[in-house]
Amino acid sequence: MPTLPESSARLSLPYIQPAQAQKHVTHNEALRVLDVVVQLSVASRTLTLPPLTALNGACYLVPAGAGGEWAGQAGQIALRDGDIWDFLSPVAGWLAMVLDESRLLFFDGAQWREPDVLAPAIDSLGIQTSADATNRLAVAGDASLFTHTGTGHQMKINKAAPGQTASVLFQSDWAGRAEMGLAGNDDFTIKTSADGTTWQDALRLDTGSGLASGGAITQTPQDATAGRLLKVGDSAGLLAATPLLRVPVGGSANALALTSGAGFAAPLPDGLDLRFRATAANTGAATLALDSGPALPCVTPTGAALPAGFIRTDCDTIARHHAGQWVLERAPETGSTADGQYERLSNGVQRVWATRPTQSSAAPTSWAFPLPFASAPHVTASAQGASFHAATISTPTTGGCQFDAWTSAGARANGVGVALSAIGQWY
C-alpha cells in the first residue's frame, strides 16, 4: 500500500494520517488555510507595518520593505489569527481582491500584479448606457479620460477607404452641429450645420499640399466678408490698413460714387481708407457711396460738413470710413493772388501773408486777404527797413484789415513796407 503524503499537492493542506491522534487539529488546520485562500480578499497591499487594530481573520498582502512583525514577508499573505500574524505563501495563479482599491490581482509566481486580460473580446460595451450594433462602445458620464502610461498617448480613428468617414461628430440634442476629420475623402475638414441636415465646409486642408479652402477663409483677393480669415495673397482684410487704395470716382460733385473693385457691402468696416481724384469740386455738403452702397455724409477732420471747395480737382482726396460717415482729408492747399499768398489745411486752419507799403501819411492803408476767413483772424504786422518804425493794425474783419507805420516821433509814415500775416479758420 503506497504511503499517504502528509499534505495536499497544491495548497499544502495537511492530511489526517492513519491512526493519528488528535485528528481534529489537522482537520482544523486545513480548514483554516481554505478559509483564507477560497474567495481570497485582502484589506490592502500598501501597508508597510501591521495595523494595531486588525480584526481576527483580516488578510493583507505584505509589500516590499515591510517592517515590524511583517519584516521579511514581502509577497506573503498576512493573516491575523487571534493574537498573532500567520503567513501563507501564494502559488502562481492565485487571485486576490484588494478591497481598498476594488482591484483584482493575481500572483504570477514571483509577484502580485494586475491580470493582462480580465475578459475575452466582446461585441459591445455600454458604460452607464446601452451599446448597440452601430455604437459598439457607449459611455454616459460627465467626461471620458484617455491618458498615458508613462510616455505619450495617441487616439486612432481608422477607415477602410478614402470614400469612407473617419471623424469626430459634435451633436446638440442628437442633431449634428459640427464635424471634423476625414469625411468622404482624405482631406482634413471641419464642417458645420445649423440643423443637422445641411452641412458646409468651414475649413478644408488639402491632404497633398496642406493648403486651406472653405467658407471660413477669403474666397478671392477682393473678398471682404466680415468674419472670414485672410489667406496669404488676399488683400480684402488689409484694405482697412491700406490708405492708398485708389478708386475711380463717379456721380456729381456733391454726390460722389466710388467703385473699389472689392465689392464692399454695408456695414462698411471702420478704418477703411480710399483715395480718389475728383473731377469737380464740391459746392457744399457732400455724400459718398461706395460700390453702389448707401450714400453716407462726408465731413471734415473736425466733424463739420464740407465747405465749398473742400474736395479739389488738383489733388487726391483721402476718405476714411468711421461710424457711418466718411472723414475726408486732402493735401494742404497753397497759392497766391494779387493780395498775397495763402495756405489752407484740412482741419480748417488758414494762413495768409503779404508785404505791403503804407499808402498815405494821413490815413491807414487797407489790406484785402488773399482768401476770406470764416471769422476774423489774428493778424500781425512788422515794419520793414533800417529806420525805426512801428507797425499797427486795425481790428480785422473776415475779408481784410488796415495797417499803419509810425516813426519814433509818433507820426504816420508813408511808403514803409509792412510784413503782414493772418491766421484763422477758413470753415
Protein backbone atom coordinates (compact mmCIF):
# COMPACT_ATOMS: atom_id res chain seq x y z
CA MET A 1 0.00 0.00 0.00
CA PRO A 2 1.52 3.40 -1.03
CA THR A 3 2.50 5.82 1.66
CA LEU A 4 -0.04 8.66 2.19
CA PRO A 5 1.57 12.10 1.79
CA GLU A 6 1.31 14.45 4.72
CA SER A 7 -0.18 17.41 2.73
CA SER A 8 -2.01 18.19 -0.50
CA ALA A 9 -0.01 18.93 -3.64
CA ARG A 10 -1.43 22.39 -4.43
CA LEU A 11 -2.47 24.13 -1.22
CA SER A 12 -0.32 22.08 1.21
CA LEU A 13 -3.38 21.21 3.26
CA PRO A 14 -2.42 18.72 5.99
CA TYR A 15 -3.85 15.20 5.63
CA ILE A 16 -5.15 13.13 8.52
CA GLN A 17 -2.78 10.21 8.86
CA PRO A 18 -3.76 6.62 9.77
CA ALA A 19 -4.03 6.07 13.50
CA GLN A 20 -3.32 9.76 14.05
CA ALA A 21 -4.11 11.16 17.43
CA GLN A 22 -6.00 14.48 17.73
CA LYS A 23 -7.22 14.30 14.15
CA HIS A 24 -9.25 17.44 14.68
CA VAL A 25 -6.06 19.53 14.84
CA THR A 26 -5.01 18.51 11.32
CA HIS A 27 -8.54 18.90 10.01
CA ASN A 28 -8.95 22.36 11.51
CA GLU A 29 -5.57 23.49 10.12
CA ALA A 30 -6.71 22.52 6.62
CA LEU A 31 -9.98 24.41 7.12
CA ARG A 32 -8.04 27.46 8.33
CA VAL A 33 -5.99 27.54 5.12
CA LEU A 34 -9.10 27.06 2.99
CA ASP A 35 -10.82 29.86 4.88
CA VAL A 36 -8.10 32.20 3.67
CA VAL A 37 -7.46 31.14 0.09
CA VAL A 38 -11.02 30.36 -1.04
CA GLN A 39 -12.55 33.63 -2.32
CA LEU A 40 -9.29 35.32 -1.28
CA SER A 41 -9.56 39.00 -0.42
CA VAL A 42 -7.12 41.30 1.32
CA ALA A 43 -7.79 44.60 3.03
CA SER A 44 -4.78 46.37 1.49
CA ARG A 45 -1.45 45.86 -0.26
CA THR A 46 0.21 49.15 0.70
CA LEU A 47 0.63 48.98 4.49
CA THR A 48 4.28 48.58 5.48
CA LEU A 49 3.55 47.97 9.18
CA PRO A 50 0.94 45.65 10.67
CA PRO A 51 -2.21 47.53 11.74
CA LEU A 52 -2.65 47.70 15.51
CA THR A 53 -6.38 47.03 15.41
CA ALA A 54 -6.65 44.28 12.79
CA LEU A 55 -9.69 42.06 13.26
CA ASN A 56 -9.34 38.32 13.62
CA GLY A 57 -9.26 36.79 10.14
CA ALA A 58 -8.11 40.01 8.39
CA CYS A 59 -5.69 39.47 5.49
CA TYR A 60 -3.13 41.78 3.89
CA LEU A 61 -0.63 41.48 1.05
CA VAL A 62 2.75 42.32 2.51
CA PRO A 63 4.58 44.89 0.32
CA ALA A 64 8.32 45.12 -0.21
CA GLY A 65 10.12 46.88 2.61
CA ALA A 66 7.53 45.98 5.27
CA GLY A 67 8.70 46.06 8.86
CA GLY A 68 7.66 45.03 12.34
CA GLU A 69 6.11 41.58 12.51
CA TRP A 70 5.87 41.63 8.70
CA ALA A 71 9.59 42.05 8.13
CA GLY A 72 10.96 39.63 5.53
CA GLN A 73 7.47 38.52 4.40
CA ALA A 74 7.16 40.56 1.16
CA GLY A 75 4.66 38.99 -1.23
CA GLN A 76 3.13 36.78 1.50
CA ILE A 77 -0.45 36.83 2.68
CA ALA A 78 -0.51 38.06 6.28
CA LEU A 79 -3.39 36.52 8.28
CA ARG A 80 -4.43 37.87 11.65
CA ASP A 81 -5.09 34.69 13.67
CA GLY A 82 -6.08 35.57 17.18
CA ASP A 83 -3.18 37.43 18.74
CA ILE A 84 -0.55 36.53 16.13
CA TRP A 85 0.23 37.05 12.48
CA ASP A 86 0.47 33.97 10.31
CA PHE A 87 1.76 33.98 6.75
CA LEU A 88 0.69 31.98 3.70
CA SER A 89 2.85 31.65 0.63
CA PRO A 90 0.85 32.26 -2.59
CA VAL A 91 1.03 29.88 -5.54
CA ALA A 92 1.17 31.03 -9.17
CA GLY A 93 -2.33 31.65 -10.45
CA TRP A 94 -3.90 32.70 -7.14
CA LEU A 95 -6.35 35.63 -7.42
CA ALA A 96 -6.90 38.20 -4.69
CA MET A 97 -9.34 41.11 -4.47
CA VAL A 98 -7.75 44.21 -2.89
CA LEU A 99 -10.66 45.75 -1.02
CA ASP A 100 -9.39 49.32 -0.50
CA GLU A 101 -8.72 49.62 -4.26
CA SER A 102 -11.56 47.48 -5.63
CA ARG A 103 -8.87 45.90 -7.79
CA LEU A 104 -8.25 42.26 -8.73
CA LEU A 105 -4.65 40.98 -8.63
CA PHE A 106 -3.07 37.67 -9.49
CA PHE A 107 0.20 36.04 -8.41
CA ASP A 108 2.45 35.18 -11.36
CA GLY A 109 4.83 33.08 -9.30
CA ALA A 110 7.09 36.00 -8.41
CA GLN A 111 4.87 38.99 -7.66
CA TRP A 112 1.31 40.19 -7.38
CA ARG A 113 0.11 42.20 -10.40
CA GLU A 114 -2.99 43.05 -12.39
CA PRO A 115 -4.16 40.49 -14.95
CA ASP A 116 -3.29 41.28 -18.56
CA VAL A 117 -6.76 40.27 -19.74
CA LEU A 118 -9.78 40.34 -17.50
CA ALA A 119 -12.28 39.21 -20.10
CA PRO A 120 -12.31 37.83 -23.64
CA ALA A 121 -13.09 40.09 -26.61
CA ILE A 122 -16.71 41.28 -26.52
CA ASP A 123 -19.03 42.51 -29.24
CA SER A 124 -20.14 45.68 -27.43
CA LEU A 125 -19.77 47.53 -24.16
CA GLY A 126 -22.05 50.07 -22.54
CA ILE A 127 -20.92 52.10 -19.54
CA GLN A 128 -23.88 53.70 -17.75
CA THR A 129 -25.82 53.38 -21.01
CA SER A 130 -26.66 50.80 -23.68
CA ALA A 131 -24.43 49.95 -26.63
CA ASP A 132 -25.91 48.86 -29.96
CA ALA A 133 -24.86 47.42 -33.32
CA THR A 134 -23.66 50.85 -34.54
CA ASN A 135 -22.30 52.31 -31.31
CA ARG A 136 -20.38 49.26 -30.10
CA LEU A 137 -18.82 51.30 -27.28
CA ALA A 138 -21.18 53.68 -25.46
CA VAL A 139 -20.25 55.79 -22.43
CA ALA A 140 -22.56 58.06 -20.44
CA GLY A 141 -20.86 60.43 -18.00
CA ASP A 142 -19.53 63.92 -17.42
CA ALA A 143 -16.18 63.16 -19.05
CA SER A 144 -14.04 60.41 -20.56
CA LEU A 145 -10.30 60.19 -19.95
CA PHE A 146 -7.63 58.68 -22.17
CA THR A 147 -4.21 59.07 -20.57
CA HIS A 148 -0.64 57.83 -20.89
CA THR A 149 1.18 55.01 -19.13
CA GLY A 150 4.42 56.92 -18.78
CA THR A 151 5.10 58.47 -22.20
CA GLY A 152 2.58 59.76 -24.76
CA HIS A 153 -0.90 58.75 -25.84
CA GLN A 154 -2.41 58.59 -29.33
CA MET A 155 -6.04 58.06 -30.31
CA LYS A 156 -6.53 56.44 -33.71
CA ILE A 157 -9.64 56.60 -35.89
CA ASN A 158 -9.25 54.43 -38.97
CA LYS A 159 -11.39 53.96 -42.08
CA ALA A 160 -11.35 51.37 -44.82
CA ALA A 161 -11.11 53.61 -47.91
CA PRO A 162 -10.91 57.30 -48.92
CA GLY A 163 -14.65 57.45 -49.61
CA GLN A 164 -15.48 56.36 -46.07
CA THR A 165 -15.57 58.56 -42.95
CA ALA A 166 -13.17 58.80 -40.02
CA SER A 167 -14.29 61.80 -37.97
CA VAL A 168 -15.47 63.21 -34.67
CA LEU A 169 -19.09 64.40 -34.69
CA PHE A 170 -20.41 67.02 -32.24
CA GLN A 171 -24.15 66.96 -31.60
CA SER A 172 -26.73 69.08 -29.83
CA ASP A 173 -29.82 67.15 -28.71
CA TRP A 174 -28.69 64.31 -31.03
CA ALA A 175 -28.53 66.59 -34.09
CA GLY A 176 -25.13 67.22 -35.69
CA ARG A 177 -23.72 70.73 -35.43
CA ALA A 178 -20.00 70.27 -36.18
CA GLU A 179 -17.76 67.52 -37.54
CA MET A 180 -14.02 67.29 -38.02
CA GLY A 181 -11.92 64.60 -39.64
CA LEU A 182 -11.79 62.73 -42.94
CA ALA A 183 -15.38 62.88 -44.18
CA GLY A 184 -15.86 61.21 -47.56
CA ASN A 185 -12.27 61.90 -48.68
CA ASP A 186 -8.77 62.15 -47.25
CA ASP A 187 -8.74 65.94 -46.79
CA PHE A 188 -8.99 67.09 -43.17
CA THR A 189 -12.26 69.01 -42.95
CA ILE A 190 -14.15 70.99 -40.33
CA LYS A 191 -17.86 71.12 -41.17
CA THR A 192 -20.74 72.98 -39.52
CA SER A 193 -24.51 72.67 -39.67
CA ALA A 194 -27.36 74.70 -38.22
CA ASP A 195 -29.93 71.90 -38.46
CA GLY A 196 -28.00 68.63 -38.68
CA THR A 197 -29.05 68.17 -42.30
CA THR A 198 -27.39 70.86 -44.40
CA TRP A 199 -23.61 70.97 -43.97
CA GLN A 200 -20.95 73.34 -45.23
CA ASP A 201 -17.17 73.04 -45.24
CA ALA A 202 -15.90 75.73 -42.87
CA LEU A 203 -12.28 74.71 -43.40
CA ARG A 204 -10.66 72.08 -45.61
CA LEU A 205 -6.95 71.26 -45.63
CA ASP A 206 -5.76 69.53 -48.78
CA THR A 207 -4.09 66.23 -47.89
CA GLY A 208 -1.39 66.74 -50.52
CA SER A 209 -0.49 70.44 -50.31
CA GLY A 210 -1.83 71.31 -46.88
CA LEU A 211 -3.42 74.44 -48.36
CA ALA A 212 -6.72 75.68 -46.96
CA SER A 213 -10.12 76.28 -48.52
CA GLY A 214 -13.66 76.56 -47.21
CA GLY A 215 -16.23 79.10 -46.13
CA ALA A 216 -14.20 80.36 -43.16
CA ILE A 217 -11.48 81.95 -45.33
CA THR A 218 -11.45 84.58 -48.06
CA GLN A 219 -12.64 83.30 -51.43
CA THR A 220 -10.99 85.89 -53.70
CA PRO A 221 -8.35 88.62 -53.28
CA GLN A 222 -11.23 91.13 -53.10
CA ASP A 223 -13.37 89.18 -50.58
CA ALA A 224 -14.20 91.47 -47.63
CA THR A 225 -16.86 89.28 -45.97
CA ALA A 226 -16.93 90.02 -42.24
CA GLY A 227 -15.70 87.13 -40.08
CA ARG A 228 -13.62 85.38 -42.73
CA LEU A 229 -9.95 84.58 -42.19
CA LEU A 230 -7.50 86.19 -44.60
CA LYS A 231 -5.45 83.94 -46.86
CA VAL A 232 -1.93 84.92 -47.80
CA GLY A 233 -2.23 86.77 -51.10
CA ASP A 234 -5.76 88.05 -50.43
CA SER A 235 -5.91 91.72 -49.62
CA ALA A 236 -9.52 92.34 -48.68
CA GLY A 237 -8.82 92.27 -44.97
CA LEU A 238 -5.86 94.59 -45.49
CA LEU A 239 -7.82 97.32 -47.23
CA ALA A 240 -8.61 98.98 -43.91
CA ALA A 241 -4.89 99.28 -43.21
CA THR A 242 -4.01 100.49 -46.71
CA PRO A 243 -4.68 104.23 -47.05
CA LEU A 244 -3.70 104.32 -50.72
CA LEU A 245 -6.44 102.23 -52.30
CA ARG A 246 -7.05 104.24 -55.44
CA VAL A 247 -10.61 104.14 -56.73
CA PRO A 248 -12.34 105.78 -59.70
CA VAL A 249 -14.94 108.41 -58.98
CA GLY A 250 -18.39 108.91 -60.42
CA GLY A 251 -21.57 110.77 -59.59
CA SER A 252 -21.81 114.51 -59.15
CA ALA A 253 -19.58 116.88 -57.18
CA ASN A 254 -21.83 116.75 -54.12
CA ALA A 255 -22.92 113.11 -54.50
CA LEU A 256 -19.81 111.04 -55.10
CA ALA A 257 -19.99 107.41 -56.24
CA LEU A 258 -16.82 105.32 -55.87
CA THR A 259 -16.04 101.83 -57.16
CA SER A 260 -13.37 99.86 -55.26
CA GLY A 261 -13.45 96.59 -57.20
CA ALA A 262 -13.62 94.70 -53.90
CA GLY A 263 -17.41 94.55 -53.75
CA PHE A 264 -17.82 96.07 -50.30
CA ALA A 265 -21.22 95.65 -48.67
CA ALA A 266 -22.79 97.50 -45.76
CA PRO A 267 -21.94 97.81 -42.98
CA LEU A 268 -18.52 99.07 -44.00
CA PRO A 269 -15.57 98.44 -41.68
CA ASP A 270 -14.31 101.39 -39.68
CA GLY A 271 -10.86 102.49 -40.77
CA LEU A 272 -11.38 101.68 -44.46
CA ASP A 273 -9.33 104.25 -46.40
CA LEU A 274 -9.88 105.26 -50.02
CA ARG A 275 -8.03 107.71 -52.27
CA PHE A 276 -9.69 109.37 -55.25
CA ARG A 277 -9.22 112.34 -57.58
CA ALA A 278 -12.47 114.26 -58.10
CA THR A 279 -13.44 115.66 -61.49
CA ALA A 280 -15.34 118.58 -59.98
CA ALA A 281 -15.09 120.48 -56.70
CA ASN A 282 -17.97 120.29 -54.28
CA THR A 283 -20.16 123.34 -53.84
CA GLY A 284 -21.28 122.45 -50.30
CA ALA A 285 -22.24 119.44 -48.19
CA ALA A 286 -21.50 116.14 -49.96
CA THR A 287 -22.19 112.41 -49.71
CA LEU A 288 -20.16 109.40 -50.82
CA ALA A 289 -21.47 105.97 -51.89
CA LEU A 290 -19.03 103.05 -52.21
CA ASP A 291 -19.71 100.08 -54.51
CA SER A 292 -23.38 101.06 -55.02
CA GLY A 293 -23.88 101.14 -51.26
CA PRO A 294 -25.73 103.80 -49.27
CA ALA A 295 -24.77 107.45 -49.67
CA LEU A 296 -23.04 108.41 -46.42
CA PRO A 297 -22.31 112.01 -45.37
CA CYS A 298 -18.83 113.45 -45.84
CA VAL A 299 -17.30 115.51 -43.03
CA THR A 300 -14.05 117.33 -42.40
CA PRO A 301 -11.48 116.03 -39.85
CA THR A 302 -13.17 118.27 -37.28
CA GLY A 303 -16.57 116.69 -37.96
CA ALA A 304 -18.04 119.67 -39.80
CA ALA A 305 -20.00 119.42 -43.02
CA LEU A 306 -17.84 120.03 -46.07
CA PRO A 307 -17.38 123.67 -47.05
CA ALA A 308 -17.46 124.55 -50.72
CA GLY A 309 -14.24 123.65 -52.48
CA PHE A 310 -13.01 121.17 -49.84
CA ILE A 311 -12.94 118.43 -52.50
CA ARG A 312 -10.41 119.60 -55.07
CA THR A 313 -9.62 118.56 -58.60
CA ASP A 314 -5.90 119.36 -58.40
CA CYS A 315 -5.01 116.78 -55.75
CA ASP A 316 -6.23 113.50 -54.29
CA THR A 317 -8.78 113.32 -51.50
CA ILE A 318 -8.50 110.61 -48.85
CA ALA A 319 -11.76 109.28 -47.39
CA ARG A 320 -11.76 107.21 -44.18
CA HIS A 321 -14.93 105.44 -43.08
CA HIS A 322 -15.86 105.91 -39.43
CA ALA A 323 -19.17 105.35 -37.66
CA GLY A 324 -21.35 105.59 -40.75
CA GLN A 325 -19.73 108.63 -42.35
CA TRP A 326 -16.69 109.50 -44.42
CA VAL A 327 -13.98 111.69 -42.91
CA LEU A 328 -12.15 113.48 -45.73
CA GLU A 329 -8.54 114.64 -45.80
CA ARG A 330 -6.65 116.46 -48.53
CA ALA A 331 -3.21 117.89 -49.17
CA PRO A 332 -2.55 121.44 -47.93
CA GLU A 333 -3.84 123.96 -50.45
CA THR A 334 -1.36 126.74 -51.26
CA GLY A 335 -1.45 129.57 -53.77
CA SER A 336 -1.38 133.29 -54.26
CA THR A 337 -3.45 136.18 -55.53
CA ALA A 338 -2.68 139.83 -56.12
CA ASP A 339 -3.32 140.36 -52.39
CA GLY A 340 -0.75 137.85 -51.14
CA GLN A 341 -0.14 134.16 -50.52
CA TYR A 342 -2.29 131.63 -48.69
CA GLU A 343 -2.34 128.11 -47.21
CA ARG A 344 -5.45 126.11 -46.31
CA LEU A 345 -5.37 122.88 -44.26
CA SER A 346 -7.94 120.09 -43.97
CA ASN A 347 -8.55 120.86 -40.30
CA GLY A 348 -9.83 124.35 -41.23
CA VAL A 349 -6.69 126.35 -40.42
CA GLN A 350 -5.90 129.10 -42.93
CA ARG A 351 -2.82 131.33 -43.04
CA VAL A 352 -2.31 134.29 -45.38
CA TRP A 353 0.62 136.66 -45.67
CA ALA A 354 1.94 139.57 -47.77
CA THR A 355 4.32 142.55 -47.61
CA ARG A 356 2.64 145.86 -48.46
CA PRO A 357 3.80 149.50 -48.30
CA THR A 358 1.82 152.16 -46.46
CA GLN A 359 -0.05 154.35 -48.96
CA SER A 360 -0.63 157.56 -47.01
CA SER A 361 0.75 159.65 -44.15
CA ALA A 362 -2.75 160.81 -43.38
CA ALA A 363 -4.83 157.58 -43.23
CA PRO A 364 -4.37 153.82 -42.70
CA THR A 365 -3.69 151.52 -45.65
CA SER A 366 -6.11 148.67 -46.43
CA TRP A 367 -5.13 145.02 -46.99
CA ALA A 368 -7.64 142.59 -48.51
CA PHE A 369 -6.83 139.00 -47.57
CA PRO A 370 -5.96 136.69 -50.50
CA LEU A 371 -8.80 134.40 -49.33
CA PRO A 372 -11.57 135.19 -46.83
CA PHE A 373 -11.82 133.67 -43.34
CA ALA A 374 -14.87 132.16 -41.68
CA SER A 375 -14.37 134.54 -38.74
CA ALA A 376 -12.00 137.41 -38.01
CA PRO A 377 -8.43 136.05 -37.88
CA HIS A 378 -5.46 137.04 -35.77
CA VAL A 379 -3.25 139.49 -37.68
CA THR A 380 0.34 140.56 -37.03
CA ALA A 381 2.34 143.34 -38.69
CA SER A 382 6.02 144.23 -38.71
CA ALA A 383 7.54 147.35 -40.29
CA GLN A 384 10.46 146.78 -42.64
CA GLY A 385 13.57 148.96 -43.25
CA ALA A 386 16.58 150.34 -41.39
CA SER A 387 14.86 153.32 -39.78
CA PHE A 388 12.81 152.80 -36.65
CA HIS A 389 9.17 152.33 -37.44
CA ALA A 390 6.33 150.67 -35.56
CA ALA A 391 3.50 148.90 -37.38
CA THR A 392 -0.08 148.69 -36.16
CA ILE A 393 -3.27 147.18 -37.49
CA SER A 394 -6.92 148.00 -37.06
CA THR A 395 -9.48 145.42 -35.93
CA PRO A 396 -9.58 142.83 -38.75
CA THR A 397 -12.68 141.52 -40.47
CA THR A 398 -13.16 138.22 -42.28
CA GLY A 399 -12.00 139.85 -45.54
CA GLY A 400 -9.14 142.15 -44.52
CA CYS A 401 -7.70 144.81 -42.22
CA GLN A 402 -5.99 148.24 -42.18
CA PHE A 403 -2.42 148.91 -41.13
CA ASP A 404 -0.05 151.83 -40.42
CA ALA A 405 3.66 152.51 -39.96
CA TRP A 406 4.83 155.07 -37.41
CA THR A 407 8.01 157.00 -36.84
CA SER A 408 9.73 157.24 -33.50
CA ALA A 409 8.13 160.68 -33.13
CA GLY A 410 4.69 159.16 -33.44
CA ALA A 411 3.91 160.37 -36.96
CA ARG A 412 2.27 158.15 -39.58
CA ALA A 413 4.87 157.22 -42.21
CA ASN A 414 4.21 156.79 -45.91
CA GLY A 415 5.96 154.28 -48.19
CA VAL A 416 7.14 151.99 -45.40
CA GLY A 417 6.97 148.27 -46.20
CA VAL A 418 4.99 146.24 -43.67
CA ALA A 419 5.07 142.43 -43.41
CA LEU A 420 1.52 141.22 -42.71
CA SER A 421 0.31 137.78 -41.62
CA ALA A 422 -3.11 136.48 -40.60
CA ILE A 423 -4.11 133.07 -39.22
CA GLY A 424 -7.61 131.74 -38.51
CA GLN A 425 -10.24 129.29 -39.76
CA TRP A 426 -11.50 129.10 -43.30
CA TYR A 427 -14.54 126.98 -42.36
